[in-house]
Amino acid sequence: MNNPHKGWIYAVRKALGMSARQVGVRMGIRQQSVKRLELNEVDESITVRSMKKAAAAMDCKFVYQFIKKD
């Protein structure tokens, strides 16, 4: 499965109809920081902790897993 072009945080946020500001309020950070998290996810520099916090702010659960290649 491929990741969404703009990342999971962005994709889920948009699917839920949430603004970056709304997610930021729930995370206790600024809108610009949410945008930075989204960019960090795309360039693969985001932390698992940040992914968990973003997921929780959108009432989601973050799941991290390894899947064996065929």
PDB file of N, CA and C in Angstrom:
ATOM      1  N   MET A   1       0.849  -1.188   0.000  1.00  0.00           N
ATOM      2  CA  MET A   1       0.000   0.000   0.000  1.00  0.00           C
ATOM      3  C   MET A   1       0.887   1.241   0.000  1.00  0.00           C
ATOM      4  N   ASN A   2       0.592   2.162  -0.864  1.00  0.00           N
ATOM      5  CA  ASN A   2       1.346   3.402  -0.938  1.00  0.00           C
ATOM      6  C   ASN A   2       0.761   4.443   0.002  1.00  0.00           C
ATOM      7  N   ASN A   3       1.628   5.319   0.476  1.00  0.00           N
ATOM      8  CA  ASN A   3       1.175   6.414   1.322  1.00  0.00           C
ATOM      9  C   ASN A   3       0.529   7.484   0.456  1.00  0.00           C
ATOM     10  N   PRO A   4      -0.440   8.220   1.000  1.00  0.00           N
ATOM     11  CA  PRO A   4      -1.007   9.339   0.253  1.00  0.00           C
ATOM     12  C   PRO A   4       0.082  10.349  -0.088  1.00  0.00           C
ATOM     13  N   HIS A   5      -0.033  10.975  -1.232  1.00  0.00           N
ATOM     14  CA  HIS A   5       0.975  11.924  -1.727  1.00  0.00           C
ATOM     15  C   HIS A   5       1.329  13.002  -0.698  1.00  0.00           C
ATOM     16  N   LYS A   6       0.328  13.527  -0.003  1.00  0.00           N
ATOM     17  CA  LYS A   6       0.564  14.578   0.995  1.00  0.00           C
ATOM     18  C   LYS A   6       0.619  14.028   2.419  1.00  0.00           C
ATOM     19  N   GLY A   7       0.678  12.709   2.570  1.00  0.00           N
ATOM     20  CA  GLY A   7       0.799  12.090   3.886  1.00  0.00           C
ATOM     21  C   GLY A   7      -0.536  11.741   4.508  1.00  0.00           C
ATOM     22  N   TRP A   8      -0.453  10.890   5.529  1.00  0.00           N
ATOM     23  CA  TRP A   8      -1.653  10.409   6.221  1.00  0.00           C
ATOM     24  C   TRP A   8      -2.305  11.486   7.071  1.00  0.00           C
ATOM     25  N   ILE A   9      -1.508  12.308   7.731  1.00  0.00           N
ATOM     26  CA  ILE A   9      -2.104  13.346   8.586  1.00  0.00           C
ATOM     27  C   ILE A   9      -2.984  14.256   7.735  1.00  0.00           C
ATOM     28  N   TYR A  10      -2.446  14.733   6.635  1.00  0.00           N
ATOM     29  CA  TYR A  10      -3.197  15.605   5.734  1.00  0.00           C
ATOM     30  C   TYR A  10      -4.427  14.883   5.192  1.00  0.00           C
ATOM     31  N   ALA A  11      -4.247  13.658   4.702  1.00  0.00           N
ATOM     32  CA  ALA A  11      -5.345  12.910   4.087  1.00  0.00           C
ATOM     33  C   ALA A  11      -6.484  12.658   5.074  1.00  0.00           C
ATOM     34  N   VAL A  12      -6.149  12.237   6.282  1.00  0.00           N
ATOM     35  CA  VAL A  12      -7.185  11.959   7.285  1.00  0.00           C
ATOM     36  C   VAL A  12      -7.847  13.255   7.738  1.00  0.00           C
ATOM     37  N   ARG A  13      -7.039  14.278   7.955  1.00  0.00           N
ATOM     38  CA  ARG A  13      -7.586  15.578   8.370  1.00  0.00           C
ATOM     39  C   ARG A  13      -8.607  16.078   7.344  1.00  0.00           C
ATOM     40  N   LYS A  14      -8.250  16.007   6.073  1.00  0.00           N
ATOM     41  CA  LYS A  14      -9.155  16.457   5.012  1.00  0.00           C
ATOM     42  C   LYS A  14     -10.401  15.571   4.934  1.00  0.00           C
ATOM     43  N   ALA A  15     -10.217  14.262   5.052  1.00  0.00           N
ATOM     44  CA  ALA A  15     -11.358  13.335   5.001  1.00  0.00           C
ATOM     45  C   ALA A  15     -12.343  13.607   6.133  1.00  0.00           C
ATOM     46  N   LEU A  16     -11.826  14.038   7.268  1.00  0.00           N
ATOM     47  CA  LEU A  16     -12.676  14.344   8.424  1.00  0.00           C
ATOM     48  C   LEU A  16     -13.248  15.760   8.372  1.00  0.00           C
ATOM     49  N   GLY A  17     -12.804  16.537   7.389  1.00  0.00           N
ATOM     50  CA  GLY A  17     -13.283  17.916   7.269  1.00  0.00           C
ATOM     51  C   GLY A  17     -12.707  18.833   8.324  1.00  0.00           C
ATOM     52  N   MET A  18     -11.520  18.516   8.808  1.00  0.00           N
ATOM     53  CA  MET A  18     -10.888  19.323   9.854  1.00  0.00           C
ATOM     54  C   MET A  18      -9.845  20.256   9.251  1.00  0.00           C
ATOM     55  N   SER A  19      -9.753  21.444   9.802  1.00  0.00           N
ATOM     56  CA  SER A  19      -8.707  22.379   9.392  1.00  0.00           C
ATOM     57  C   SER A  19      -7.442  22.102  10.194  1.00  0.00           C
ATOM     58  N   ALA A  20      -6.331  22.617   9.697  1.00  0.00           N
ATOM     59  CA  ALA A  20      -5.070  22.498  10.438  1.00  0.00           C
ATOM     60  C   ALA A  20      -5.196  23.215  11.784  1.00  0.00           C
ATOM     61  N   ARG A  21      -5.947  24.290  11.807  1.00  0.00           N
ATOM     62  CA  ARG A  21      -6.150  25.020  13.065  1.00  0.00           C
ATOM     63  C   ARG A  21      -6.885  24.156  14.081  1.00  0.00           C
ATOM     64  N   GLN A  22      -7.928  23.454  13.632  1.00  0.00           N
ATOM     65  CA  GLN A  22      -8.690  22.591  14.547  1.00  0.00           C
ATOM     66  C   GLN A  22      -7.806  21.483  15.120  1.00  0.00           C
ATOM     67  N   VAL A  23      -7.008  20.872  14.282  1.00  0.00           N
ATOM     68  CA  VAL A  23      -6.104  19.823  14.758  1.00  0.00           C
ATOM     69  C   VAL A  23      -5.092  20.433  15.724  1.00  0.00           C
ATOM     70  N   GLY A  24      -4.580  21.598  15.378  1.00  0.00           N
ATOM     71  CA  GLY A  24      -3.618  22.279  16.241  1.00  0.00           C
ATOM     72  C   GLY A  24      -4.173  22.588  17.616  1.00  0.00           C
ATOM     73  N   VAL A  25      -5.406  23.063  17.658  1.00  0.00           N
ATOM     74  CA  VAL A  25      -6.045  23.366  18.951  1.00  0.00           C
ATOM     75  C   VAL A  25      -6.101  22.101  19.794  1.00  0.00           C
ATOM     76  N   ARG A  26      -6.493  21.002  19.180  1.00  0.00           N
ATOM     77  CA  ARG A  26      -6.575  19.735  19.919  1.00  0.00           C
ATOM     78  C   ARG A  26      -5.213  19.221  20.359  1.00  0.00           C
ATOM     79  N   MET A  27      -4.172  19.562  19.595  1.00  0.00           N
ATOM     80  CA  MET A  27      -2.815  19.121  19.949  1.00  0.00           C
ATOM     81  C   MET A  27      -2.106  20.112  20.859  1.00  0.00           C
ATOM     82  N   GLY A  28      -2.663  21.307  20.998  1.00  0.00           N
ATOM     83  CA  GLY A  28      -2.017  22.347  21.796  1.00  0.00           C
ATOM     84  C   GLY A  28      -0.858  23.001  21.066  1.00  0.00           C
ATOM     85  N   ILE A  29      -0.944  23.033  19.722  1.00  0.00           N
ATOM     86  CA  ILE A  29       0.091  23.665  18.907  1.00  0.00           C
ATOM     87  C   ILE A  29      -0.572  24.598  17.898  1.00  0.00           C
ATOM     88  N   ARG A  30       0.236  25.405  17.218  1.00  0.00           N
ATOM     89  CA  ARG A  30      -0.286  26.355  16.239  1.00  0.00           C
ATOM     90  C   ARG A  30      -0.561  25.677  14.901  1.00  0.00           C
ATOM     91  N   GLN A  31      -1.398  26.311  14.113  1.00  0.00           N
ATOM     92  CA  GLN A  31      -1.739  25.814  12.776  1.00  0.00           C
ATOM     93  C   GLN A  31      -0.477  25.585  11.951  1.00  0.00           C
ATOM     94  N   GLN A  32       0.470  26.512  12.027  1.00  0.00           N
ATOM     95  CA  GLN A  32       1.710  26.387  11.264  1.00  0.00           C
ATOM     96  C   GLN A  32       2.494  25.141  11.670  1.00  0.00           C
ATOM     97  N   SER A  33       2.388  24.773  12.942  1.00  0.00           N
ATOM     98  CA  SER A  33       3.083  23.573  13.423  1.00  0.00           C
ATOM     99  C   SER A  33       2.440  22.309  12.877  1.00  0.00           C
ATOM    100  N   VAL A  34       1.127  22.331  12.694  1.00  0.00           N
ATOM    101  CA  VAL A  34       0.441  21.190  12.085  1.00  0.00           C
ATOM    102  C   VAL A  34       0.917  21.042  10.644  1.00  0.00           C
ATOM    103  N   LYS A  35       1.003  22.145   9.926  1.00  0.00           N
ATOM    104  CA  LYS A  35       1.487  22.115   8.548  1.00  0.00           C
ATOM    105  C   LYS A  35       2.917  21.566   8.496  1.00  0.00           C
ATOM    106  N   ARG A  36       3.731  21.951   9.478  1.00  0.00           N
ATOM    107  CA  ARG A  36       5.111  21.455   9.546  1.00  0.00           C
ATOM    108  C   ARG A  36       5.111  19.941   9.789  1.00  0.00           C
ATOM    109  N   LEU A  37       4.238  19.456  10.670  1.00  0.00           N
ATOM    110  CA  LEU A  37       4.132  18.007  10.905  1.00  0.00           C
ATOM    111  C   LEU A  37       3.779  17.280   9.620  1.00  0.00           C
ATOM    112  N   GLU A  38       2.847  17.847   8.862  1.00  0.00           N
ATOM    113  CA  GLU A  38       2.444  17.230   7.595  1.00  0.00           C
ATOM    114  C   GLU A  38       3.625  17.155   6.627  1.00  0.00           C
ATOM    115  N   LEU A  39       4.400  18.213   6.557  1.00  0.00           N
ATOM    116  CA  LEU A  39       5.586  18.209   5.691  1.00  0.00           C
ATOM    117  C   LEU A  39       6.643  17.233   6.198  1.00  0.00           C
ATOM    118  N   ASN A  40       6.820  17.187   7.516  1.00  0.00           N
ATOM    119  CA  ASN A  40       7.785  16.244   8.104  1.00  0.00           C
ATOM    120  C   ASN A  40       7.390  14.804   7.829  1.00  0.00           C
ATOM    121  N   GLU A  41       6.104  14.532   7.817  1.00  0.00           N
ATOM    122  CA  GLU A  41       5.655  13.178   7.501  1.00  0.00           C
ATOM    123  C   GLU A  41       6.032  12.821   6.065  1.00  0.00           C
ATOM    124  N   VAL A  42       5.783  13.729   5.141  1.00  0.00           N
ATOM    125  CA  VAL A  42       6.081  13.476   3.728  1.00  0.00           C
ATOM    126  C   VAL A  42       7.580  13.259   3.510  1.00  0.00           C
ATOM    127  N   ASP A  43       8.421  14.046   4.189  1.00  0.00           N
ATOM    128  CA  ASP A  43       9.868  13.866   4.000  1.00  0.00           C
ATOM    129  C   ASP A  43      10.477  12.846   4.968  1.00  0.00           C
ATOM    130  N   GLU A  44       9.602  12.134   5.677  1.00  0.00           N
ATOM    131  CA  GLU A  44       9.975  11.015   6.556  1.00  0.00           C
ATOM    132  C   GLU A  44      10.855  11.404   7.749  1.00  0.00           C
ATOM    133  N   SER A  45      10.676  12.646   8.225  1.00  0.00           N
ATOM    134  CA  SER A  45      11.430  13.065   9.407  1.00  0.00           C
ATOM    135  C   SER A  45      10.537  13.218  10.645  1.00  0.00           C
ATOM    136  N   ILE A  46       9.273  12.829  10.542  1.00  0.00           N
ATOM    137  CA  ILE A  46       8.348  12.929  11.665  1.00  0.00           C
ATOM    138  C   ILE A  46       8.628  11.806  12.668  1.00  0.00           C
ATOM    139  N   THR A  47       8.318  12.050  13.921  1.00  0.00           N
ATOM    140  CA  THR A  47       8.511  11.021  14.943  1.00  0.00           C
ATOM    141  C   THR A  47       7.229  10.211  15.124  1.00  0.00           C
ATOM    142  N   VAL A  48       7.388   9.014  15.637  1.00  0.00           N
ATOM    143  CA  VAL A  48       6.223   8.177  15.947  1.00  0.00           C
ATOM    144  C   VAL A  48       5.364   8.883  16.989  1.00  0.00           C
ATOM    145  N   ARG A  49       5.979   9.527  17.935  1.00  0.00           N
ATOM    146  CA  ARG A  49       5.245  10.264  18.970  1.00  0.00           C
ATOM    147  C   ARG A  49       4.337  11.333  18.354  1.00  0.00           C
ATOM    148  N   SER A  50       4.868  12.068  17.382  1.00  0.00           N
ATOM    149  CA  SER A  50       4.068  13.102  16.720  1.00  0.00           C
ATOM    150  C   SER A  50       2.925  12.498  15.924  1.00  0.00           C
ATOM    151  N   MET A  51       3.171  11.366  15.286  1.00  0.00           N
ATOM    152  CA  MET A  51       2.098  10.689  14.546  1.00  0.00           C
ATOM    153  C   MET A  51       0.984  10.260  15.508  1.00  0.00           C
ATOM    154  N   LYS A  52       1.369   9.736  16.678  1.00  0.00           N
ATOM    155  CA  LYS A  52       0.377   9.327  17.675  1.00  0.00           C
ATOM    156  C   LYS A  52      -0.441  10.515  18.161  1.00  0.00           C
ATOM    157  N   LYS A  53       0.228  11.639  18.417  1.00  0.00           N
ATOM    158  CA  LYS A  53      -0.475  12.829  18.893  1.00  0.00           C
ATOM    159  C   LYS A  53      -1.423  13.374  17.834  1.00  0.00           C
ATOM    160  N   ALA A  54      -0.979  13.388  16.591  1.00  0.00           N
ATOM    161  CA  ALA A  54      -1.837  13.868  15.506  1.00  0.00           C
ATOM    162  C   ALA A  54      -3.050  12.951  15.353  1.00  0.00           C
ATOM    163  N   ALA A  55      -2.821  11.665  15.403  1.00  0.00           N
ATOM    164  CA  ALA A  55      -3.935  10.706  15.291  1.00  0.00           C
ATOM    165  C   ALA A  55      -4.939  10.922  16.419  1.00  0.00           C
ATOM    166  N   ALA A  56      -4.453  11.057  17.634  1.00  0.00           N
ATOM    167  CA  ALA A  56      -5.348  11.266  18.780  1.00  0.00           C
ATOM    168  C   ALA A  56      -6.149  12.553  18.620  1.00  0.00           C
ATOM    169  N   ALA A  57      -5.524  13.593  18.081  1.00  0.00           N
ATOM    170  CA  ALA A  57      -6.219  14.869  17.885  1.00  0.00           C
ATOM    171  C   ALA A  57      -7.359  14.744  16.879  1.00  0.00           C
ATOM    172  N   MET A  58      -7.265  13.730  16.020  1.00  0.00           N
ATOM    173  CA  MET A  58      -8.322  13.507  15.021  1.00  0.00           C
ATOM    174  C   MET A  58      -9.214  12.329  15.417  1.00  0.00           C
ATOM    175  N   ASP A  59      -9.164  11.966  16.700  1.00  0.00           N
ATOM    176  CA  ASP A  59      -9.944  10.840  17.234  1.00  0.00           C
ATOM    177  C   ASP A  59      -9.647   9.538  16.493  1.00  0.00           C
ATOM    178  N   CYS A  60      -8.368   9.333  16.190  1.00  0.00           N
ATOM    179  CA  CYS A  60      -7.913   8.120  15.508  1.00  0.00           C
ATOM    180  C   CYS A  60      -6.852   7.435  16.363  1.00  0.00           C
ATOM    181  N   LYS A  61      -6.547   6.220  15.998  1.00  0.00           N
ATOM    182  CA  LYS A  61      -5.483   5.462  16.644  1.00  0.00           C
ATOM    183  C   LYS A  61      -4.378   5.265  15.615  1.00  0.00           C
ATOM    184  N   PHE A  62      -3.145   5.567  15.984  1.00  0.00           N
ATOM    185  CA  PHE A  62      -2.005   5.379  15.092  1.00  0.00           C
ATOM    186  C   PHE A  62      -1.503   3.950  15.235  1.00  0.00           C
ATOM    187  N   VAL A  63      -1.314   3.269  14.106  1.00  0.00           N
ATOM    188  CA  VAL A  63      -0.825   1.892  14.107  1.00  0.00           C
ATOM    189  C   VAL A  63       0.462   1.850  13.300  1.00  0.00           C
ATOM    190  N   TYR A  64       1.506   1.323  13.888  1.00  0.00           N
ATOM    191  CA  TYR A  64       2.821   1.200  13.254  1.00  0.00           C
ATOM    192  C   TYR A  64       3.101  -0.271  13.102  1.00  0.00           C
ATOM    193  N   GLN A  65       3.445  -0.718  11.896  1.00  0.00           N
ATOM    194  CA  GLN A  65       3.641  -2.157  11.725  1.00  0.00           C
ATOM    195  C   GLN A  65       4.662  -2.468  10.646  1.00  0.00           C
ATOM    196  N   PHE A  66       5.189  -3.655  10.706  1.00  0.00           N
ATOM    197  CA  PHE A  66       6.048  -4.204   9.665  1.00  0.00           C
ATOM    198  C   PHE A  66       5.253  -5.263   8.929  1.00  0.00           C
ATOM    199  N   ILE A  67       5.359  -5.276   7.618  1.00  0.00           N
ATOM    200  CA  ILE A  67       4.679  -6.279   6.804  1.00  0.00           C
ATOM    201  C   ILE A  67       5.735  -6.964   5.948  1.00  0.00           C
ATOM    202  N   LYS A  68       5.817  -8.274   6.047  1.00  0.00           N
ATOM    203  CA  LYS A  68       6.807  -9.006   5.284  1.00  0.00           C
ATOM    204  C   LYS A  68       6.520  -8.903   3.785  1.00  0.00           C
ATOM    205  N   LYS A  69       7.588  -8.684   3.028  1.00  0.00           N
ATOM    206  CA  LYS A  69       7.463  -8.664   1.577  1.00  0.00           C
ATOM    207  C   LYS A  69       7.189 -10.075   1.083  1.00  0.00           C
ATOM    208  N   ASP A  70       6.556 -10.183  -0.054  1.00  0.00           N
ATOM    209  CA  ASP A  70       6.285 -11.499  -0.639  1.00  0.00           C
ATOM    210  C   ASP A  70       7.572 -12.194  -1.043  1.00  0.00           C
TER     211      ASP A  70
END
